[in-house]
Amino acid sequence: MISKATFFQMALSFPGADQKPHFDRTGFKVTGKRMFATYLEKDHTCNIFLSPEEQKEFCSLDSDHIYPVPNKWGERGATTFELSFLEKEILQEALLSAYEAVVGKN
């Protein structure tokens, strides 16, 4: 299980990462750039903004707890991760991939 505090620490560990309110969520973005993840406290889930190809790879690891967001964002790669059921290493890999896509390292 990944706690809220651990998730926030992981998301904010990247250079230039910042947290801001985003509707009913907490958003994580790179200063001056777009968001790479959000956290929803009531469900203890996060959405991570991956490419559709990366989304397929992560969903194949645990489709019960990692799945596309059920809307247009999900079709573009937005992926829900249920933090109560996941290993830290999987989440770190997904966050890094989303962060690097925002800063242009992919």
PDB file of N, CA and C in Angstrom:
ATOM      1  N   MET A   1       0.838  -1.189   0.000  1.00  0.00           N
ATOM      2  CA  MET A   1       0.000   0.000   0.000  1.00  0.00           C
ATOM      3  C   MET A   1       0.879   1.248   0.000  1.00  0.00           C
ATOM      4  N   ILE A   2       0.437   2.225  -0.740  1.00  0.00           N
ATOM      5  CA  ILE A   2       1.140   3.504  -0.809  1.00  0.00           C
ATOM      6  C   ILE A   2       0.272   4.541  -0.106  1.00  0.00           C
ATOM      7  N   SER A   3       0.799   5.175   0.919  1.00  0.00           N
ATOM      8  CA  SER A   3       0.038   6.179   1.668  1.00  0.00           C
ATOM      9  C   SER A   3      -0.068   7.478   0.876  1.00  0.00           C
ATOM     10  N   LYS A   4      -0.983   8.324   1.299  1.00  0.00           N
ATOM     11  CA  LYS A   4      -1.124   9.649   0.684  1.00  0.00           C
ATOM     12  C   LYS A   4       0.196  10.411   0.802  1.00  0.00           C
ATOM     13  N   ALA A   5       0.794  10.399   1.977  1.00  0.00           N
ATOM     14  CA  ALA A   5       2.050  11.127   2.192  1.00  0.00           C
ATOM     15  C   ALA A   5       3.154  10.606   1.275  1.00  0.00           C
ATOM     16  N   THR A   6       3.228   9.295   1.119  1.00  0.00           N
ATOM     17  CA  THR A   6       4.242   8.716   0.235  1.00  0.00           C
ATOM     18  C   THR A   6       3.988   9.110  -1.209  1.00  0.00           C
ATOM     19  N   PHE A   7       2.716   9.064  -1.635  1.00  0.00           N
ATOM     20  CA  PHE A   7       2.410   9.475  -3.008  1.00  0.00           C
ATOM     21  C   PHE A   7       2.813  10.927  -3.239  1.00  0.00           C
ATOM     22  N   PHE A   8       2.444  11.819  -2.319  1.00  0.00           N
ATOM     23  CA  PHE A   8       2.800  13.232  -2.475  1.00  0.00           C
ATOM     24  C   PHE A   8       4.316  13.399  -2.534  1.00  0.00           C
ATOM     25  N   GLN A   9       5.029  12.697  -1.664  1.00  0.00           N
ATOM     26  CA  GLN A   9       6.494  12.775  -1.650  1.00  0.00           C
ATOM     27  C   GLN A   9       7.068  12.308  -2.983  1.00  0.00           C
ATOM     28  N   MET A  10       6.529  11.225  -3.521  1.00  0.00           N
ATOM     29  CA  MET A  10       7.017  10.701  -4.796  1.00  0.00           C
ATOM     30  C   MET A  10       6.740  11.690  -5.926  1.00  0.00           C
ATOM     31  N   ALA A  11       5.523  12.215  -5.983  1.00  0.00           N
ATOM     32  CA  ALA A  11       5.144  13.131  -7.066  1.00  0.00           C
ATOM     33  C   ALA A  11       5.925  14.438  -7.000  1.00  0.00           C
ATOM     34  N   LEU A  12       6.243  14.884  -5.796  1.00  0.00           N
ATOM     35  CA  LEU A  12       6.957  16.155  -5.635  1.00  0.00           C
ATOM     36  C   LEU A  12       8.480  15.999  -5.678  1.00  0.00           C
ATOM     37  N   SER A  13       8.963  14.779  -5.846  1.00  0.00           N
ATOM     38  CA  SER A  13      10.414  14.545  -5.837  1.00  0.00           C
ATOM     39  C   SER A  13      11.096  14.960  -7.139  1.00  0.00           C
ATOM     40  N   PHE A  14      10.330  15.227  -8.177  1.00  0.00           N
ATOM     41  CA  PHE A  14      10.905  15.590  -9.473  1.00  0.00           C
ATOM     42  C   PHE A  14      11.217  17.080  -9.524  1.00  0.00           C
ATOM     43  N   PRO A  15      12.304  17.467 -10.186  1.00  0.00           N
ATOM     44  CA  PRO A  15      12.654  18.887 -10.295  1.00  0.00           C
ATOM     45  C   PRO A  15      11.513  19.701 -10.916  1.00  0.00           C
ATOM     46  N   GLY A  16      11.143  20.797 -10.251  1.00  0.00           N
ATOM     47  CA  GLY A  16      10.107  21.688 -10.757  1.00  0.00           C
ATOM     48  C   GLY A  16       8.689  21.234 -10.486  1.00  0.00           C
ATOM     49  N   ALA A  17       8.508  20.084  -9.822  1.00  0.00           N
ATOM     50  CA  ALA A  17       7.155  19.590  -9.536  1.00  0.00           C
ATOM     51  C   ALA A  17       6.511  20.441  -8.451  1.00  0.00           C
ATOM     52  N   ASP A  18       5.211  20.676  -8.613  1.00  0.00           N
ATOM     53  CA  ASP A  18       4.449  21.507  -7.684  1.00  0.00           C
ATOM     54  C   ASP A  18       3.059  20.909  -7.542  1.00  0.00           C
ATOM     55  N   GLN A  19       2.408  21.162  -6.421  1.00  0.00           N
ATOM     56  CA  GLN A  19       1.043  20.679  -6.234  1.00  0.00           C
ATOM     57  C   GLN A  19       0.084  21.855  -6.182  1.00  0.00           C
ATOM     58  N   LYS A  20      -1.097  21.665  -6.765  1.00  0.00           N
ATOM     59  CA  LYS A  20      -2.138  22.692  -6.819  1.00  0.00           C
ATOM     60  C   LYS A  20      -3.491  22.007  -6.727  1.00  0.00           C
ATOM     61  N   PRO A  21      -4.496  22.684  -6.152  1.00  0.00           N
ATOM     62  CA  PRO A  21      -5.849  22.123  -6.202  1.00  0.00           C
ATOM     63  C   PRO A  21      -6.302  21.981  -7.659  1.00  0.00           C
ATOM     64  N   HIS A  22      -7.019  20.913  -7.941  1.00  0.00           N
ATOM     65  CA  HIS A  22      -7.543  20.661  -9.289  1.00  0.00           C
ATOM     66  C   HIS A  22      -8.925  20.024  -9.125  1.00  0.00           C
ATOM     67  N   PHE A  23      -9.963  20.873  -9.104  1.00  0.00           N
ATOM     68  CA  PHE A  23     -11.334  20.439  -8.838  1.00  0.00           C
ATOM     69  C   PHE A  23     -11.363  19.707  -7.497  1.00  0.00           C
ATOM     70  N   ASP A  24     -11.831  18.456  -7.449  1.00  0.00           N
ATOM     71  CA  ASP A  24     -11.894  17.714  -6.185  1.00  0.00           C
ATOM     72  C   ASP A  24     -10.615  16.918  -5.925  1.00  0.00           C
ATOM     73  N   ARG A  25      -9.575  17.216  -6.654  1.00  0.00           N
ATOM     74  CA  ARG A  25      -8.310  16.488  -6.572  1.00  0.00           C
ATOM     75  C   ARG A  25      -7.163  17.427  -6.214  1.00  0.00           C
ATOM     76  N   THR A  26      -6.025  16.836  -5.955  1.00  0.00           N
ATOM     77  CA  THR A  26      -4.772  17.583  -5.880  1.00  0.00           C
ATOM     78  C   THR A  26      -4.013  17.270  -7.155  1.00  0.00           C
ATOM     79  N   GLY A  27      -3.624  18.313  -7.874  1.00  0.00           N
ATOM     80  CA  GLY A  27      -2.893  18.126  -9.120  1.00  0.00           C
ATOM     81  C   GLY A  27      -1.402  18.307  -8.915  1.00  0.00           C
ATOM     82  N   PHE A  28      -0.631  17.582  -9.692  1.00  0.00           N
ATOM     83  CA  PHE A  28       0.829  17.680  -9.672  1.00  0.00           C
ATOM     84  C   PHE A  28       1.287  18.034 -11.077  1.00  0.00           C
ATOM     85  N   LYS A  29       1.999  19.150 -11.176  1.00  0.00           N
ATOM     86  CA  LYS A  29       2.449  19.616 -12.481  1.00  0.00           C
ATOM     87  C   LYS A  29       3.877  20.101 -12.381  1.00  0.00           C
ATOM     88  N   VAL A  30       4.461  20.302 -13.524  1.00  0.00           N
ATOM     89  CA  VAL A  30       5.783  20.895 -13.599  1.00  0.00           C
ATOM     90  C   VAL A  30       5.570  22.393 -13.758  1.00  0.00           C
ATOM     91  N   THR A  31       6.247  23.198 -12.951  1.00  0.00           N
ATOM     92  CA  THR A  31       6.084  24.648 -12.992  1.00  0.00           C
ATOM     93  C   THR A  31       6.199  25.149 -14.427  1.00  0.00           C
ATOM     94  N   GLY A  32       5.168  25.887 -14.861  1.00  0.00           N
ATOM     95  CA  GLY A  32       5.149  26.444 -16.209  1.00  0.00           C
ATOM     96  C   GLY A  32       4.743  25.459 -17.290  1.00  0.00           C
ATOM     97  N   LYS A  33       4.404  24.243 -16.894  1.00  0.00           N
ATOM     98  CA  LYS A  33       4.017  23.213 -17.862  1.00  0.00           C
ATOM     99  C   LYS A  33       2.730  22.546 -17.392  1.00  0.00           C
ATOM    100  N   ARG A  34       2.363  21.468 -18.055  1.00  0.00           N
ATOM    101  CA  ARG A  34       1.083  20.820 -17.746  1.00  0.00           C
ATOM    102  C   ARG A  34       1.196  19.802 -16.607  1.00  0.00           C
ATOM    103  N   MET A  35       0.033  19.317 -16.203  1.00  0.00           N
ATOM    104  CA  MET A  35      -0.079  18.357 -15.120  1.00  0.00           C
ATOM    105  C   MET A  35       0.395  16.970 -15.569  1.00  0.00           C
ATOM    106  N   PHE A  36       0.992  16.219 -14.640  1.00  0.00           N
ATOM    107  CA  PHE A  36       1.384  14.845 -14.951  1.00  0.00           C
ATOM    108  C   PHE A  36       0.664  13.823 -14.082  1.00  0.00           C
ATOM    109  N   ALA A  37       0.002  14.277 -12.999  1.00  0.00           N
ATOM    110  CA  ALA A  37      -0.733  13.353 -12.132  1.00  0.00           C
ATOM    111  C   ALA A  37      -1.720  14.127 -11.266  1.00  0.00           C
ATOM    112  N   THR A  38      -2.748  13.416 -10.782  1.00  0.00           N
ATOM    113  CA  THR A  38      -3.673  13.975  -9.798  1.00  0.00           C
ATOM    114  C   THR A  38      -3.920  12.924  -8.719  1.00  0.00           C
ATOM    115  N   TYR A  39      -4.360  13.392  -7.551  1.00  0.00           N
ATOM    116  CA  TYR A  39      -4.676  12.503  -6.430  1.00  0.00           C
ATOM    117  C   TYR A  39      -6.093  12.793  -5.954  1.00  0.00           C
ATOM    118  N   LEU A  40      -6.890  11.735  -5.754  1.00  0.00           N
ATOM    119  CA  LEU A  40      -8.255  11.855  -5.244  1.00  0.00           C
ATOM    120  C   LEU A  40      -8.316  11.199  -3.873  1.00  0.00           C
ATOM    121  N   GLU A  41      -8.425  12.029  -2.837  1.00  0.00           N
ATOM    122  CA  GLU A  41      -8.360  11.516  -1.470  1.00  0.00           C
ATOM    123  C   GLU A  41      -9.499  10.559  -1.142  1.00  0.00           C
ATOM    124  N   LYS A  42     -10.733  10.875  -1.561  1.00  0.00           N
ATOM    125  CA  LYS A  42     -11.880  10.047  -1.146  1.00  0.00           C
ATOM    126  C   LYS A  42     -11.772   8.598  -1.618  1.00  0.00           C
ATOM    127  N   ASP A  43     -11.083   8.358  -2.732  1.00  0.00           N
ATOM    128  CA  ASP A  43     -10.912   6.995  -3.239  1.00  0.00           C
ATOM    129  C   ASP A  43      -9.505   6.451  -3.031  1.00  0.00           C
ATOM    130  N   HIS A  44      -8.589   7.304  -2.562  1.00  0.00           N
ATOM    131  CA  HIS A  44      -7.174   6.964  -2.423  1.00  0.00           C
ATOM    132  C   HIS A  44      -6.638   6.395  -3.739  1.00  0.00           C
ATOM    133  N   THR A  45      -6.918   7.160  -4.819  1.00  0.00           N
ATOM    134  CA  THR A  45      -6.429   6.807  -6.150  1.00  0.00           C
ATOM    135  C   THR A  45      -5.681   7.988  -6.738  1.00  0.00           C
ATOM    136  N   CYS A  46      -4.893   7.697  -7.742  1.00  0.00           N
ATOM    137  CA  CYS A  46      -4.283   8.768  -8.518  1.00  0.00           C
ATOM    138  C   CYS A  46      -4.528   8.490  -9.990  1.00  0.00           C
ATOM    139  N   ASN A  47      -4.571   9.554 -10.755  1.00  0.00           N
ATOM    140  CA  ASN A  47      -4.579   9.446 -12.206  1.00  0.00           C
ATOM    141  C   ASN A  47      -3.228   9.937 -12.693  1.00  0.00           C
ATOM    142  N   ILE A  48      -2.604   9.150 -13.541  1.00  0.00           N
ATOM    143  CA  ILE A  48      -1.302   9.503 -14.097  1.00  0.00           C
ATOM    144  C   ILE A  48      -1.464   9.596 -15.606  1.00  0.00           C
ATOM    145  N   PHE A  49      -0.903  10.650 -16.186  1.00  0.00           N
ATOM    146  CA  PHE A  49      -1.091  10.937 -17.599  1.00  0.00           C
ATOM    147  C   PHE A  49       0.028  10.309 -18.427  1.00  0.00           C
ATOM    148  N   LEU A  50      -0.263   9.127 -18.953  1.00  0.00           N
ATOM    149  CA  LEU A  50       0.676   8.333 -19.737  1.00  0.00           C
ATOM    150  C   LEU A  50       0.324   8.424 -21.219  1.00  0.00           C
ATOM    151  N   SER A  51       1.174   7.874 -22.060  1.00  0.00           N
ATOM    152  CA  SER A  51       0.799   7.695 -23.465  1.00  0.00           C
ATOM    153  C   SER A  51      -0.131   6.478 -23.529  1.00  0.00           C
ATOM    154  N   PRO A  52      -0.947   6.354 -24.569  1.00  0.00           N
ATOM    155  CA  PRO A  52      -1.797   5.163 -24.687  1.00  0.00           C
ATOM    156  C   PRO A  52      -0.994   3.855 -24.684  1.00  0.00           C
ATOM    157  N   GLU A  53       0.188   3.867 -25.256  1.00  0.00           N
ATOM    158  CA  GLU A  53       1.027   2.665 -25.269  1.00  0.00           C
ATOM    159  C   GLU A  53       1.499   2.313 -23.855  1.00  0.00           C
ATOM    160  N   GLU A  54       1.944   3.323 -23.119  1.00  0.00           N
ATOM    161  CA  GLU A  54       2.381   3.087 -21.732  1.00  0.00           C
ATOM    162  C   GLU A  54       1.202   2.625 -20.884  1.00  0.00           C
ATOM    163  N   GLN A  55       0.043   3.216 -21.124  1.00  0.00           N
ATOM    164  CA  GLN A  55      -1.154   2.825 -20.388  1.00  0.00           C
ATOM    165  C   GLN A  55      -1.405   1.321 -20.538  1.00  0.00           C
ATOM    166  N   LYS A  56      -1.322   0.814 -21.746  1.00  0.00           N
ATOM    167  CA  LYS A  56      -1.531  -0.624 -21.981  1.00  0.00           C
ATOM    168  C   LYS A  56      -0.532  -1.452 -21.191  1.00  0.00           C
ATOM    169  N   GLU A  57       0.721  -1.027 -21.184  1.00  0.00           N
ATOM    170  CA  GLU A  57       1.754  -1.761 -20.452  1.00  0.00           C
ATOM    171  C   GLU A  57       1.457  -1.801 -18.956  1.00  0.00           C
ATOM    172  N   PHE A  58       1.127  -0.639 -18.376  1.00  0.00           N
ATOM    173  CA  PHE A  58       0.858  -0.605 -16.937  1.00  0.00           C
ATOM    174  C   PHE A  58      -0.415  -1.366 -16.592  1.00  0.00           C
ATOM    175  N   CYS A  59      -1.455  -1.225 -17.395  1.00  0.00           N
ATOM    176  CA  CYS A  59      -2.703  -1.950 -17.130  1.00  0.00           C
ATOM    177  C   CYS A  59      -2.486  -3.458 -17.180  1.00  0.00           C
ATOM    178  N   SER A  60      -1.583  -3.914 -18.024  1.00  0.00           N
ATOM    179  CA  SER A  60      -1.322  -5.351 -18.125  1.00  0.00           C
ATOM    180  C   SER A  60      -0.654  -5.903 -16.862  1.00  0.00           C
ATOM    181  N   LEU A  61      -0.057  -5.051 -16.059  1.00  0.00           N
ATOM    182  CA  LEU A  61       0.588  -5.493 -14.815  1.00  0.00           C
ATOM    183  C   LEU A  61      -0.421  -5.866 -13.740  1.00  0.00           C
ATOM    184  N   ASP A  62      -1.566  -5.157 -13.708  1.00  0.00           N
ATOM    185  CA  ASP A  62      -2.584  -5.386 -12.676  1.00  0.00           C
ATOM    186  C   ASP A  62      -3.871  -4.680 -13.099  1.00  0.00           C
ATOM    187  N   SER A  63      -4.622  -5.297 -13.992  1.00  0.00           N
ATOM    188  CA  SER A  63      -5.802  -4.639 -14.561  1.00  0.00           C
ATOM    189  C   SER A  63      -6.924  -4.420 -13.548  1.00  0.00           C
ATOM    190  N   ASP A  64      -6.873  -5.081 -12.403  1.00  0.00           N
ATOM    191  CA  ASP A  64      -7.879  -4.836 -11.361  1.00  0.00           C
ATOM    192  C   ASP A  64      -7.645  -3.515 -10.647  1.00  0.00           C
ATOM    193  N   HIS A  65      -6.388  -3.069 -10.606  1.00  0.00           N
ATOM    194  CA  HIS A  65      -6.046  -1.877  -9.831  1.00  0.00           C
ATOM    195  C   HIS A  65      -5.366  -0.776 -10.643  1.00  0.00           C
ATOM    196  N   ILE A  66      -5.136  -1.035 -11.918  1.00  0.00           N
ATOM    197  CA  ILE A  66      -4.583  -0.041 -12.843  1.00  0.00           C
ATOM    198  C   ILE A  66      -5.434  -0.117 -14.102  1.00  0.00           C
ATOM    199  N   TYR A  67      -6.111   0.976 -14.440  1.00  0.00           N
ATOM    200  CA  TYR A  67      -7.046   0.932 -15.572  1.00  0.00           C
ATOM    201  C   TYR A  67      -7.244   2.329 -16.160  1.00  0.00           C
ATOM    202  N   PRO A  68      -7.682   2.401 -17.433  1.00  0.00           N
ATOM    203  CA  PRO A  68      -7.909   3.698 -18.066  1.00  0.00           C
ATOM    204  C   PRO A  68      -9.006   4.486 -17.351  1.00  0.00           C
ATOM    205  N   VAL A  69      -8.825   5.790 -17.245  1.00  0.00           N
ATOM    206  CA  VAL A  69      -9.890   6.660 -16.750  1.00  0.00           C
ATOM    207  C   VAL A  69     -11.063   6.491 -17.722  1.00  0.00           C
ATOM    208  N   PRO A  70     -12.294   6.292 -17.209  1.00  0.00           N
ATOM    209  CA  PRO A  70     -13.419   5.975 -18.098  1.00  0.00           C
ATOM    210  C   PRO A  70     -14.020   7.196 -18.805  1.00  0.00           C
ATOM    211  N   ASN A  71     -13.216   7.875 -19.602  1.00  0.00           N
ATOM    212  CA  ASN A  71     -13.694   9.025 -20.379  1.00  0.00           C
ATOM    213  C   ASN A  71     -12.687   9.315 -21.497  1.00  0.00           C
ATOM    214  N   LYS A  72     -12.835  10.471 -22.141  1.00  0.00           N
ATOM    215  CA  LYS A  72     -11.928  10.834 -23.244  1.00  0.00           C
ATOM    216  C   LYS A  72     -10.474  10.926 -22.785  1.00  0.00           C
ATOM    217  N   TRP A  73     -10.250  11.372 -21.538  1.00  0.00           N
ATOM    218  CA  TRP A  73      -8.877  11.438 -21.034  1.00  0.00           C
ATOM    219  C   TRP A  73      -8.261  10.045 -20.996  1.00  0.00           C
ATOM    220  N   GLY A  74      -9.057   9.066 -20.603  1.00  0.00           N
ATOM    221  CA  GLY A  74      -8.570   7.689 -20.573  1.00  0.00           C
ATOM    222  C   GLY A  74      -8.172   7.181 -21.942  1.00  0.00           C
ATOM    223  N   GLU A  75      -8.913   7.603 -22.970  1.00  0.00           N
ATOM    224  CA  GLU A  75      -8.567   7.214 -24.343  1.00  0.00           C
ATOM    225  C   GLU A  75      -7.230   7.813 -24.767  1.00  0.00           C
ATOM    226  N   ARG A  76      -6.833   8.905 -24.119  1.00  0.00           N
ATOM    227  CA  ARG A  76      -5.557   9.568 -24.436  1.00  0.00           C
ATOM    228  C   ARG A  76      -4.415   9.107 -23.530  1.00  0.00           C
ATOM    229  N   GLY A  77      -4.698   8.201 -22.594  1.00  0.00           N
ATOM    230  CA  GLY A  77      -3.639   7.654 -21.753  1.00  0.00           C
ATOM    231  C   GLY A  77      -3.773   7.913 -20.264  1.00  0.00           C
ATOM    232  N   ALA A  78      -4.753   8.737 -19.850  1.00  0.00           N
ATOM    233  CA  ALA A  78      -4.943   8.971 -18.412  1.00  0.00           C
ATOM    234  C   ALA A  78      -5.328   7.649 -17.749  1.00  0.00           C
ATOM    235  N   THR A  79      -4.603   7.300 -16.697  1.00  0.00           N
ATOM    236  CA  THR A  79      -4.715   5.977 -16.099  1.00  0.00           C
ATOM    237  C   THR A  79      -4.897   6.089 -14.591  1.00  0.00           C
ATOM    238  N   THR A  80      -5.894   5.367 -14.063  1.00  0.00           N
ATOM    239  CA  THR A  80      -6.142   5.343 -12.623  1.00  0.00           C
ATOM    240  C   THR A  80      -5.309   4.240 -11.977  1.00  0.00           C
ATOM    241  N   PHE A  81      -4.680   4.591 -10.862  1.00  0.00           N
ATOM    242  CA  PHE A  81      -3.902   3.653 -10.051  1.00  0.00           C
ATOM    243  C   PHE A  81      -4.527   3.631  -8.657  1.00  0.00           C
ATOM    244  N   GLU A  82      -4.966   2.459  -8.192  1.00  0.00           N
ATOM    245  CA  GLU A  82      -5.519   2.306  -6.848  1.00  0.00           C
ATOM    246  C   GLU A  82      -4.355   2.091  -5.882  1.00  0.00           C
ATOM    247  N   LEU A  83      -4.058   3.112  -5.101  1.00  0.00           N
ATOM    248  CA  LEU A  83      -2.826   3.132  -4.308  1.00  0.00           C
ATOM    249  C   LEU A  83      -2.798   2.112  -3.174  1.00  0.00           C
ATOM    250  N   SER A  84      -3.944   1.648  -2.725  1.00  0.00           N
ATOM    251  CA  SER A  84      -3.977   0.675  -1.630  1.00  0.00           C
ATOM    252  C   SER A  84      -3.454  -0.697  -2.036  1.00  0.00           C
ATOM    253  N   PHE A  85      -3.327  -0.929  -3.336  1.00  0.00           N
ATOM    254  CA  PHE A  85      -3.007  -2.273  -3.815  1.00  0.00           C
ATOM    255  C   PHE A  85      -1.700  -2.379  -4.594  1.00  0.00           C
ATOM    256  N   LEU A  86      -0.965  -1.284  -4.727  1.00  0.00           N
ATOM    257  CA  LEU A  86       0.166  -1.276  -5.653  1.00  0.00           C
ATOM    258  C   LEU A  86       1.523  -1.205  -4.963  1.00  0.00           C
ATOM    259  N   GLU A  87       2.511  -1.717  -5.666  1.00  0.00           N
ATOM    260  CA  GLU A  87       3.895  -1.618  -5.220  1.00  0.00           C
ATOM    261  C   GLU A  87       4.444  -0.237  -5.565  1.00  0.00           C
ATOM    262  N   LYS A  88       5.281   0.270  -4.696  1.00  0.00           N
ATOM    263  CA  LYS A  88       5.874   1.594  -4.888  1.00  0.00           C
ATOM    264  C   LYS A  88       6.657   1.684  -6.202  1.00  0.00           C
ATOM    265  N   GLU A  89       7.342   0.612  -6.577  1.00  0.00           N
ATOM    266  CA  GLU A  89       8.173   0.625  -7.785  1.00  0.00           C
ATOM    267  C   GLU A  89       7.341   0.842  -9.046  1.00  0.00           C
ATOM    268  N   ILE A  90       6.163   0.236  -9.103  1.00  0.00           N
ATOM    269  CA  ILE A  90       5.280   0.415 -10.265  1.00  0.00           C
ATOM    270  C   ILE A  90       4.843   1.866 -10.357  1.00  0.00           C
ATOM    271  N   LEU A  91       4.432   2.426  -9.232  1.00  0.00           N
ATOM    272  CA  LEU A  91       3.979   3.813  -9.225  1.00  0.00           C
ATOM    273  C   LEU A  91       5.118   4.763  -9.585  1.00  0.00           C
ATOM    274  N   GLN A  92       6.304   4.515  -9.063  1.00  0.00           N
ATOM    275  CA  GLN A  92       7.452   5.372  -9.367  1.00  0.00           C
ATOM    276  C   GLN A  92       7.746   5.376 -10.860  1.00  0.00           C
ATOM    277  N   GLU A  93       7.690   4.212 -11.465  1.00  0.00           N
ATOM    278  CA  GLU A  93       7.941   4.091 -12.910  1.00  0.00           C
ATOM    279  C   GLU A  93       6.902   4.883 -13.713  1.00  0.00           C
ATOM    280  N   ALA A  94       5.636   4.785 -13.318  1.00  0.00           N
ATOM    281  CA  ALA A  94       4.571   5.509 -14.026  1.00  0.00           C
ATOM    282  C   ALA A  94       4.715   7.017 -13.844  1.00  0.00           C
ATOM    283  N   LEU A  95       4.982   7.458 -12.624  1.00  0.00           N
ATOM    284  CA  LEU A  95       5.168   8.891 -12.381  1.00  0.00           C
ATOM    285  C   LEU A  95       6.354   9.434 -13.171  1.00  0.00           C
ATOM    286  N   LEU A  96       7.454   8.700 -13.188  1.00  0.00           N
ATOM    287  CA  LEU A  96       8.633   9.137 -13.931  1.00  0.00           C
ATOM    288  C   LEU A  96       8.319   9.271 -15.420  1.00  0.00           C
ATOM    289  N   SER A  97       7.617   8.309 -15.959  1.00  0.00           N
ATOM    290  CA  SER A  97       7.267   8.349 -17.379  1.00  0.00           C
ATOM    291  C   SER A  97       6.400   9.562 -17.696  1.00  0.00           C
ATOM    292  N   ALA A  98       5.392   9.817 -16.861  1.00  0.00           N
ATOM    293  CA  ALA A  98       4.507  10.965 -17.078  1.00  0.00           C
ATOM    294  C   ALA A  98       5.265  12.279 -16.914  1.00  0.00           C
ATOM    295  N   TYR A  99       6.109  12.360 -15.901  1.00  0.00           N
ATOM    296  CA  TYR A  99       6.912  13.564 -15.673  1.00  0.00           C
ATOM    297  C   TYR A  99       7.827  13.828 -16.871  1.00  0.00           C
ATOM    298  N   GLU A 100       8.524  12.803 -17.328  1.00  0.00           N
ATOM    299  CA  GLU A 100       9.449  12.982 -18.450  1.00  0.00           C
ATOM    300  C   GLU A 100       8.725  13.396 -19.724  1.00  0.00           C
ATOM    301  N   ALA A 101       7.507  12.925 -19.920  1.00  0.00           N
ATOM    302  CA  ALA A 101       6.726  13.344 -21.091  1.00  0.00           C
ATOM    303  C   ALA A 101       6.426  14.838 -21.022  1.00  0.00           C
ATOM    304  N   VAL A 102       6.169  15.346 -19.819  1.00  0.00           N
ATOM    305  CA  VAL A 102       5.867  16.771 -19.653  1.00  0.00           C
ATOM    306  C   VAL A 102       7.110  17.626 -19.878  1.00  0.00           C
ATOM    307  N   VAL A 103       8.243  17.200 -19.351  1.00  0.00           N
ATOM    308  CA  VAL A 103       9.461  18.011 -19.493  1.00  0.00           C
ATOM    309  C   VAL A 103      10.197  17.742 -20.804  1.00  0.00           C
ATOM    310  N   GLY A 104       9.712  16.787 -21.579  1.00  0.00           N
ATOM    311  CA  GLY A 104      10.273  16.558 -22.904  1.00  0.00           C
ATOM    312  C   GLY A 104      11.455  15.626 -22.960  1.00  0.00           C
ATOM    313  N   LYS A 105      11.560  14.684 -22.011  1.00  0.00           N
ATOM    314  CA  LYS A 105      12.690  13.749 -22.012  1.00  0.00           C
ATOM    315  C   LYS A 105      12.357  12.440 -22.706  1.00  0.00           C
ATOM    316  N   ASN A 106      11.118  12.248 -23.147  1.00  0.00           N
ATOM    317  CA  ASN A 106      10.741  11.005 -23.859  1.00  0.00           C
ATOM    318  C   ASN A 106      10.926  11.178 -25.340  1.00  0.00           C
TER     319      ASN A 106
END
